C-alpha cells in the first residue's frame, strides 16, 4: 500500500511529496514503537516470572490460580499466556469463578476477549449424564468428579465414620488444590484417610510419554509432592486432632486407568489415551459407579480399580506422609 501510494504521486508538487513522506515515516515509527512496547512488556513479565521460579505455560496459570498467587497470575497474563486455554477441562476464568475469587476474575477478564468472557459466563453446563439401565453416570472431567466427591463427603458420610479415599492419579495438579483447600483446610472435616498415587517422573517407561505435548507433567508432580509435604509438616497438630492421614506414593508404569475410590462404595473411573506419542488424561470423562448396583460388571470394575491401586501402592515409593 505504501509503495503504491508513493508511486502514484509523480504529479504532486514538492510540498505534497514532503507531506506524504513525513506521514509515512510517522506511521512506521508509530508501528515500530507499538511492537517494541508489546514485546518489552512481555519480556519484563517473563523476567519477573523467572525470578519467581514460575514457568510460562497454561499449566502454570492454572496452578497459580489454584494457589491464589495474584502476582504470578498477573505476570503470566502479561507474558502472553492465553486466558482461554483449557487445563484439565477448565479455563482460568472458570476456575476463578468457581473459586469465588473476585480479584482474580477481574484480572483474567481484563486480558480476555469479550467473546471469550461472554461464552464462559453464559455457557450452559450439560452436567452429569446417566442411564439407569447401565448403572453408571458420566462426569465431564476431573473438576466435576471433585465437586461430586465434595458433595458426597458433606452429605453422605457420617462425621464419626472414617472416610477412605484411594486416588490413583496422574500428576495430581488439580487434586492437590482440592485436597488442601476445599477439603482439609476448611477445618470442618474429620476422620479422613487419603492415599494418593502419582507418576514417577524418573521412570524409564513414563518419562518419554509425558511432559511436552502431554497433559501430564513431571514438574507438576514434583511440585505437588513438595507442596503437600510442606502443608503436612506445617499442620501436623491439626491433622492429628482431626484424625486426618495423608500419604502419597509414586508408581513406575504408564497409567491406563486412574480415578478415585471412596469407602469402597463410590468409584470414579477415568482412562488415558495417546496422541502423537504422548499420554493424555484427566481432561476426559469419568464413569461414576455406585456399589449399590449389584450387577457383575459393576462389581468387576470395583475389583479392577482396587486391585490395580493395591498393586501400585505395594510397589510404590513413599514420597510424603502425615
Protein backbone atom coordinates (compact mmCIF):
# COMPACT_ATOMS: atom_id res chain seq x y z
CA UNK A 1 0.00 0.00 0.00
CA UNK A 2 2.77 2.42 0.90
CA UNK A 3 4.65 1.65 -2.36
CA UNK A 4 1.51 2.20 -4.41
CA UNK A 5 0.84 5.50 -2.72
CA UNK A 6 4.38 6.74 -3.34
CA UNK A 7 4.46 5.59 -6.99
CA UNK A 8 1.21 7.39 -7.79
CA UNK A 9 2.44 10.80 -6.69
CA UNK A 10 4.53 11.74 -9.74
CA UNK A 11 2.12 14.58 -10.48
CA UNK A 12 2.30 16.02 -6.96
CA UNK A 13 4.30 19.12 -6.16
CA UNK A 14 7.34 19.14 -3.87
CA UNK A 15 5.29 20.10 -0.82
CA UNK A 16 2.92 17.19 -1.26
CA UNK A 17 5.84 14.78 -1.61
CA UNK A 18 7.29 16.03 1.66
CA UNK A 19 3.98 15.75 3.48
CA UNK A 20 3.37 12.21 2.25
CA UNK A 21 6.87 11.02 3.14
CA UNK A 22 6.60 12.58 6.58
CA UNK A 23 3.25 10.87 7.20
CA UNK A 24 4.69 7.51 6.10
CA UNK A 25 7.70 7.86 8.41
CA UNK A 26 5.46 8.85 11.30
CA UNK A 27 3.26 5.80 10.71
CA UNK A 28 6.24 3.45 10.56
CA UNK A 29 7.72 4.90 13.73
CA UNK A 30 4.38 4.53 15.48
CA UNK A 31 4.01 0.89 14.46
CA UNK A 32 7.59 0.12 15.49
CA UNK A 33 7.03 1.79 18.84
CA UNK A 34 3.87 -0.23 19.44
CA UNK A 35 5.60 -3.52 18.58
CA UNK A 36 8.55 -2.61 20.84
CA UNK A 37 6.19 -1.72 23.70
CA UNK A 38 4.32 -5.04 23.39
CA UNK A 39 7.47 -7.13 23.32
CA UNK A 40 9.21 -5.19 26.08
CA UNK A 41 6.12 -5.61 28.29
CA UNK A 42 6.16 -9.36 27.72
CA UNK A 43 9.92 -9.52 28.25
CA UNK A 44 9.63 -7.72 31.59
CA UNK A 45 6.85 -10.08 32.67
CA UNK A 46 8.85 -13.16 31.70
CA UNK A 47 11.87 -11.81 33.59
CA UNK A 48 9.71 -11.37 36.69
CA UNK A 49 8.41 -14.93 36.34
CA UNK A 50 11.95 -16.29 36.11
CA UNK A 51 12.78 -14.56 39.38
CA UNK A 52 9.73 -16.21 40.96
CA UNK A 53 10.69 -19.59 39.53
CA UNK A 54 7.44 -19.84 37.53
CA UNK A 55 7.47 -21.26 34.00
CA UNK A 56 5.44 -19.55 31.27
CA UNK A 57 2.73 -22.09 30.42
CA UNK A 58 -1.01 -22.76 30.55
CA UNK A 59 -0.43 -25.24 33.36
CA UNK A 60 1.41 -22.60 35.41
CA UNK A 61 -1.51 -20.20 35.04
CA UNK A 62 -3.96 -22.84 36.25
CA UNK A 63 -1.68 -23.74 39.16
CA UNK A 64 -1.16 -20.11 40.24
CA UNK A 65 -4.93 -19.51 40.14
CA UNK A 66 -5.43 -22.55 42.39
CA UNK A 67 -2.73 -21.18 44.71
CA UNK A 68 -4.34 -17.70 44.72
CA UNK A 69 -1.00 -16.21 43.60
CA UNK A 70 -2.14 -12.86 42.20
CA UNK A 71 1.35 -11.62 41.35
CA UNK A 72 2.24 -14.68 39.29
CA UNK A 73 -1.17 -14.68 37.56
CA UNK A 74 -0.74 -11.02 36.57
CA UNK A 75 2.75 -11.66 35.19
CA UNK A 76 1.67 -14.78 33.30
CA UNK A 77 -1.15 -12.86 31.61
CA UNK A 78 1.25 -10.04 30.71
CA UNK A 79 3.72 -12.61 29.38
CA UNK A 80 1.15 -13.74 26.84
CA UNK A 81 -0.34 -16.89 28.37
CA UNK A 82 -3.82 -17.19 26.87
CA UNK A 83 -6.58 -16.90 29.46
CA UNK A 84 -8.93 -19.03 27.34
CA UNK A 85 -6.73 -22.16 27.24
CA UNK A 86 -8.26 -25.15 29.00
CA UNK A 87 -6.28 -27.15 31.55
CA UNK A 88 -7.97 -30.31 32.84
CA UNK A 89 -11.20 -29.25 31.16
CA UNK A 90 -11.42 -25.74 32.66
CA UNK A 91 -10.36 -22.28 31.55
CA UNK A 92 -8.63 -19.96 34.05
CA UNK A 93 -11.75 -17.81 34.12
CA UNK A 94 -13.95 -20.77 35.02
CA UNK A 95 -11.52 -21.83 37.77
CA UNK A 96 -11.53 -18.34 39.31
CA UNK A 97 -15.32 -18.03 39.08
CA UNK A 98 -15.88 -21.42 40.72
CA UNK A 99 -13.45 -20.49 43.50
CA UNK A 100 -15.37 -17.23 44.07
CA UNK A 101 -12.11 -15.30 43.71
CA UNK A 102 -13.36 -11.90 42.52
CA UNK A 103 -9.93 -10.19 42.23
CA UNK A 104 -8.60 -12.98 40.00
CA UNK A 105 -11.77 -12.93 37.91
CA UNK A 106 -11.17 -9.21 37.32
CA UNK A 107 -7.55 -9.83 36.34
CA UNK A 108 -8.47 -12.55 33.85
CA UNK A 109 -11.41 -10.66 32.36
CA UNK A 110 -9.07 -7.74 31.69
CA UNK A 111 -6.89 -9.98 29.50
CA UNK A 112 -9.61 -11.99 27.73
CA UNK A 113 -11.58 -11.13 24.64
CA UNK A 114 -15.17 -10.04 25.17
CA UNK A 115 -16.42 -13.11 23.30
CA UNK A 116 -14.39 -15.48 25.48
CA UNK A 117 -15.73 -13.86 28.64
CA UNK A 118 -19.35 -13.99 27.48
CA UNK A 119 -19.03 -17.58 26.24
CA UNK A 120 -17.55 -18.68 29.55
CA UNK A 121 -20.01 -16.91 31.81
CA UNK A 122 -23.16 -17.92 29.96
CA UNK A 123 -22.03 -21.34 28.80
CA UNK A 124 -24.57 -23.93 29.87
CA UNK A 125 -23.09 -26.93 31.60
CA UNK A 126 -24.59 -30.15 30.41
CA UNK A 127 -23.93 -31.74 33.80
CA UNK A 128 -23.75 -35.46 34.51
CA UNK A 129 -25.49 -37.86 32.17
CA UNK A 130 -26.69 -41.23 33.27
CA UNK A 131 -28.61 -44.26 32.15
CA UNK A 132 -30.26 -46.28 34.92
CA UNK A 133 -30.08 -49.38 32.75
CA UNK A 134 -26.27 -49.18 32.74
CA UNK A 135 -25.76 -48.39 36.42
CA UNK A 136 -23.25 -45.59 35.92
CA UNK A 137 -23.11 -41.83 35.47
CA UNK A 138 -20.75 -39.97 33.12
CA UNK A 139 -18.99 -36.95 34.66
CA UNK A 140 -17.46 -34.49 32.21
CA UNK A 141 -13.98 -34.10 33.76
CA UNK A 142 -11.88 -34.15 36.89
CA UNK A 143 -13.41 -30.95 38.26
CA UNK A 144 -16.90 -32.48 38.08
CA UNK A 145 -15.52 -35.54 39.85
CA UNK A 146 -14.07 -33.46 42.69
CA UNK A 147 -17.30 -31.46 43.03
CA UNK A 148 -19.20 -34.75 43.25
CA UNK A 149 -16.82 -36.15 45.90
CA UNK A 150 -17.07 -32.98 47.98
CA UNK A 151 -20.88 -33.15 47.96
CA UNK A 152 -20.73 -36.85 48.70
CA UNK A 153 -18.50 -36.39 51.75
CA UNK A 154 -20.59 -33.48 53.01
CA UNK A 155 -23.94 -35.25 52.63
CA UNK A 156 -23.44 -38.99 52.81
CA UNK A 157 -20.58 -39.62 55.21
CA UNK A 158 -21.27 -39.50 58.93
CA UNK A 159 -18.71 -37.34 60.82
CA UNK A 160 -17.84 -40.17 63.18
CA UNK A 161 -17.04 -42.56 60.32
CA UNK A 162 -13.56 -42.74 58.83
CA UNK A 163 -13.64 -41.87 55.13
CA UNK A 164 -11.14 -43.68 52.92
CA UNK A 165 -10.14 -42.10 49.60
CA UNK A 166 -7.89 -44.09 47.27
CA UNK A 167 -6.70 -41.84 44.46
CA UNK A 168 -4.81 -43.40 41.58
CA UNK A 169 -3.72 -40.15 39.98
CA UNK A 170 -1.57 -38.75 37.21
CA UNK A 171 0.34 -35.62 38.28
CA UNK A 172 -2.28 -34.59 40.92
CA UNK A 173 -2.22 -30.94 39.83
CA UNK A 174 -5.95 -30.35 40.31
CA UNK A 175 -6.32 -32.83 43.16
CA UNK A 176 -3.80 -31.14 45.46
CA UNK A 177 -5.71 -27.85 45.48
CA UNK A 178 -8.96 -29.72 46.14
CA UNK A 179 -7.46 -31.85 48.89
CA UNK A 180 -5.85 -28.97 50.75
CA UNK A 181 -8.16 -26.01 50.25
CA UNK A 182 -11.59 -27.46 49.59
CA UNK A 183 -11.46 -30.39 51.99
CA UNK A 184 -8.87 -30.44 54.73
CA UNK A 185 -8.25 -26.78 55.49
CA UNK A 186 -11.92 -25.92 55.61
CA UNK A 187 -11.40 -27.06 59.22
CA UNK A 188 -14.73 -28.87 59.35
CA UNK A 189 -13.64 -32.30 58.15
CA UNK A 190 -12.53 -35.16 60.39
CA UNK A 191 -11.66 -38.83 60.13
CA UNK A 192 -10.21 -38.89 56.62
CA UNK A 193 -7.62 -41.25 55.21
CA UNK A 194 -6.28 -40.17 51.81
CA UNK A 195 -3.89 -42.42 49.90
CA UNK A 196 -2.74 -40.84 46.66
CA UNK A 197 -0.53 -42.13 43.87
CA UNK A 198 1.16 -40.18 41.08
CA UNK A 199 3.59 -40.86 38.28
CA UNK A 200 7.29 -41.37 38.87
CA UNK A 201 8.75 -38.79 36.50
CA UNK A 202 12.10 -40.61 36.51
CA UNK A 203 10.67 -43.94 35.37
CA UNK A 204 12.10 -45.07 32.01
CA UNK A 205 8.64 -46.23 30.98
CA UNK A 206 6.88 -42.96 31.87
CA UNK A 207 9.42 -40.25 31.10
CA UNK A 208 9.25 -40.43 27.26
CA UNK A 209 5.44 -40.22 27.09
CA UNK A 210 4.75 -37.24 29.38
CA UNK A 211 5.71 -33.54 29.53
CA UNK A 212 5.91 -31.74 26.15
CA UNK A 213 2.71 -32.46 24.22
CA UNK A 214 1.17 -34.38 27.12
CA UNK A 215 -1.40 -33.21 29.66
CA UNK A 216 0.71 -34.90 32.36
CA UNK A 217 3.85 -33.16 33.64
CA UNK A 218 6.70 -34.44 35.80
CA UNK A 219 7.49 -30.94 37.07
CA UNK A 220 3.91 -30.55 38.27
CA UNK A 221 4.03 -33.90 40.07
CA UNK A 222 7.22 -32.91 41.88
CA UNK A 223 5.78 -29.51 42.86
CA UNK A 224 2.61 -31.15 44.19
CA UNK A 225 4.57 -33.52 46.41
CA UNK A 226 6.67 -30.67 47.77
CA UNK A 227 3.64 -28.50 48.50
CA UNK A 228 1.61 -31.23 50.18
CA UNK A 229 4.66 -32.32 52.17
CA UNK A 230 5.16 -28.76 53.42
CA UNK A 231 1.48 -28.42 54.32
CA UNK A 232 1.56 -31.71 56.23
CA UNK A 233 4.54 -30.51 58.25
CA UNK A 234 3.02 -27.08 58.96
CA UNK A 235 -0.37 -28.52 60.02
CA UNK A 236 0.73 -31.68 61.81
CA UNK A 237 -1.09 -30.87 65.06
CA UNK A 238 -4.35 -30.05 63.29
CA UNK A 239 -4.21 -33.21 61.19
CA UNK A 240 -3.62 -35.32 64.28
CA UNK A 241 -6.50 -33.67 66.18
CA UNK A 242 -8.82 -34.16 63.22
CA UNK A 243 -7.73 -37.76 62.64
CA UNK A 244 -6.69 -36.97 59.06
CA UNK A 245 -4.00 -39.16 57.49
CA UNK A 246 -2.36 -38.34 54.14
CA UNK A 247 0.17 -40.39 52.27
CA UNK A 248 1.42 -40.12 48.68
CA UNK A 249 3.46 -42.66 46.75
CA UNK A 250 4.67 -42.87 43.16
CA UNK A 251 4.30 -45.63 40.58
CA UNK A 252 6.52 -46.62 37.65
CA UNK A 253 4.16 -48.00 34.98
CA UNK A 254 2.34 -45.92 32.33
CA UNK A 255 -1.21 -45.40 33.65
CA UNK A 256 -4.11 -46.89 31.70
CA UNK A 257 -6.76 -46.11 34.30
CA UNK A 258 -6.97 -43.53 37.07
CA UNK A 259 -9.58 -42.09 39.39
CA UNK A 260 -10.93 -42.27 42.95
CA UNK A 261 -12.44 -44.93 45.18
CA UNK A 262 -14.33 -43.60 48.23
CA UNK A 263 -15.07 -46.05 51.05
CA UNK A 264 -15.15 -48.91 48.54
CA UNK A 265 -18.68 -47.75 47.69
CA UNK A 266 -18.20 -44.92 45.18
CA UNK A 267 -15.91 -45.32 42.16
CA UNK A 268 -14.82 -42.59 39.74
CA UNK A 269 -13.04 -44.26 36.85
CA UNK A 270 -11.07 -42.46 34.15
CA UNK A 271 -8.85 -43.61 31.30
CA UNK A 272 -5.84 -42.27 29.43
CA UNK A 273 -5.13 -42.21 25.70
CA UNK A 274 -2.20 -41.50 23.41
CA UNK A 275 -1.99 -38.63 20.91
CA UNK A 276 1.13 -38.30 18.75
CA UNK A 277 3.10 -40.48 21.12
CA UNK A 278 2.20 -38.52 24.26
CA UNK A 279 -0.11 -39.59 27.08
CA UNK A 280 -3.26 -37.61 27.90
CA UNK A 281 -5.66 -37.99 30.79
CA UNK A 282 -7.76 -36.07 33.27
CA UNK A 283 -9.50 -33.91 30.68
CA UNK A 284 -11.79 -36.71 29.52
CA UNK A 285 -14.99 -38.04 31.04
CA UNK A 286 -15.15 -40.29 34.09
CA UNK A 287 -17.52 -43.10 34.91
CA UNK A 288 -19.15 -42.83 38.32
CA UNK A 289 -20.35 -46.16 39.72
CA UNK A 290 -22.24 -46.76 42.94
CA UNK A 291 -21.68 -50.10 44.63
CA UNK A 292 -25.39 -50.40 45.41
CA UNK A 293 -25.76 -51.63 41.81
CA UNK A 294 -25.15 -55.34 42.25
CA UNK A 295 -24.59 -56.30 38.61
CA UNK A 296 -21.45 -58.36 37.82
CA UNK A 297 -19.86 -55.66 35.63
CA UNK A 298 -20.04 -53.01 38.36
CA UNK A 299 -18.51 -55.45 40.84
CA UNK A 300 -15.76 -56.27 38.33
CA UNK A 301 -14.84 -52.59 37.81
CA UNK A 302 -14.59 -52.04 41.57
CA UNK A 303 -12.24 -55.05 41.78
CA UNK A 304 -10.22 -53.79 38.80
CA UNK A 305 -9.62 -50.41 40.38
CA UNK A 306 -8.85 -51.66 43.88
CA UNK A 307 -6.52 -54.42 42.67
CA UNK A 308 -4.53 -52.04 40.45
CA UNK A 309 -4.35 -49.47 43.23
CA UNK A 310 -3.15 -52.04 45.76
CA UNK A 311 -0.53 -53.34 43.32
CA UNK A 312 0.87 -49.85 42.69
CA UNK A 313 0.69 -48.98 46.40
CA UNK A 314 2.59 -52.11 47.42
CA UNK A 315 5.41 -51.45 44.94
CA UNK A 316 5.32 -47.66 45.09
CA UNK A 317 7.83 -45.25 46.60
CA UNK A 318 6.67 -43.23 49.61
CA UNK A 319 7.03 -39.51 48.91
CA UNK A 320 5.28 -37.82 51.85
CA UNK A 321 3.02 -38.81 54.73
CA UNK A 322 1.38 -37.30 57.78
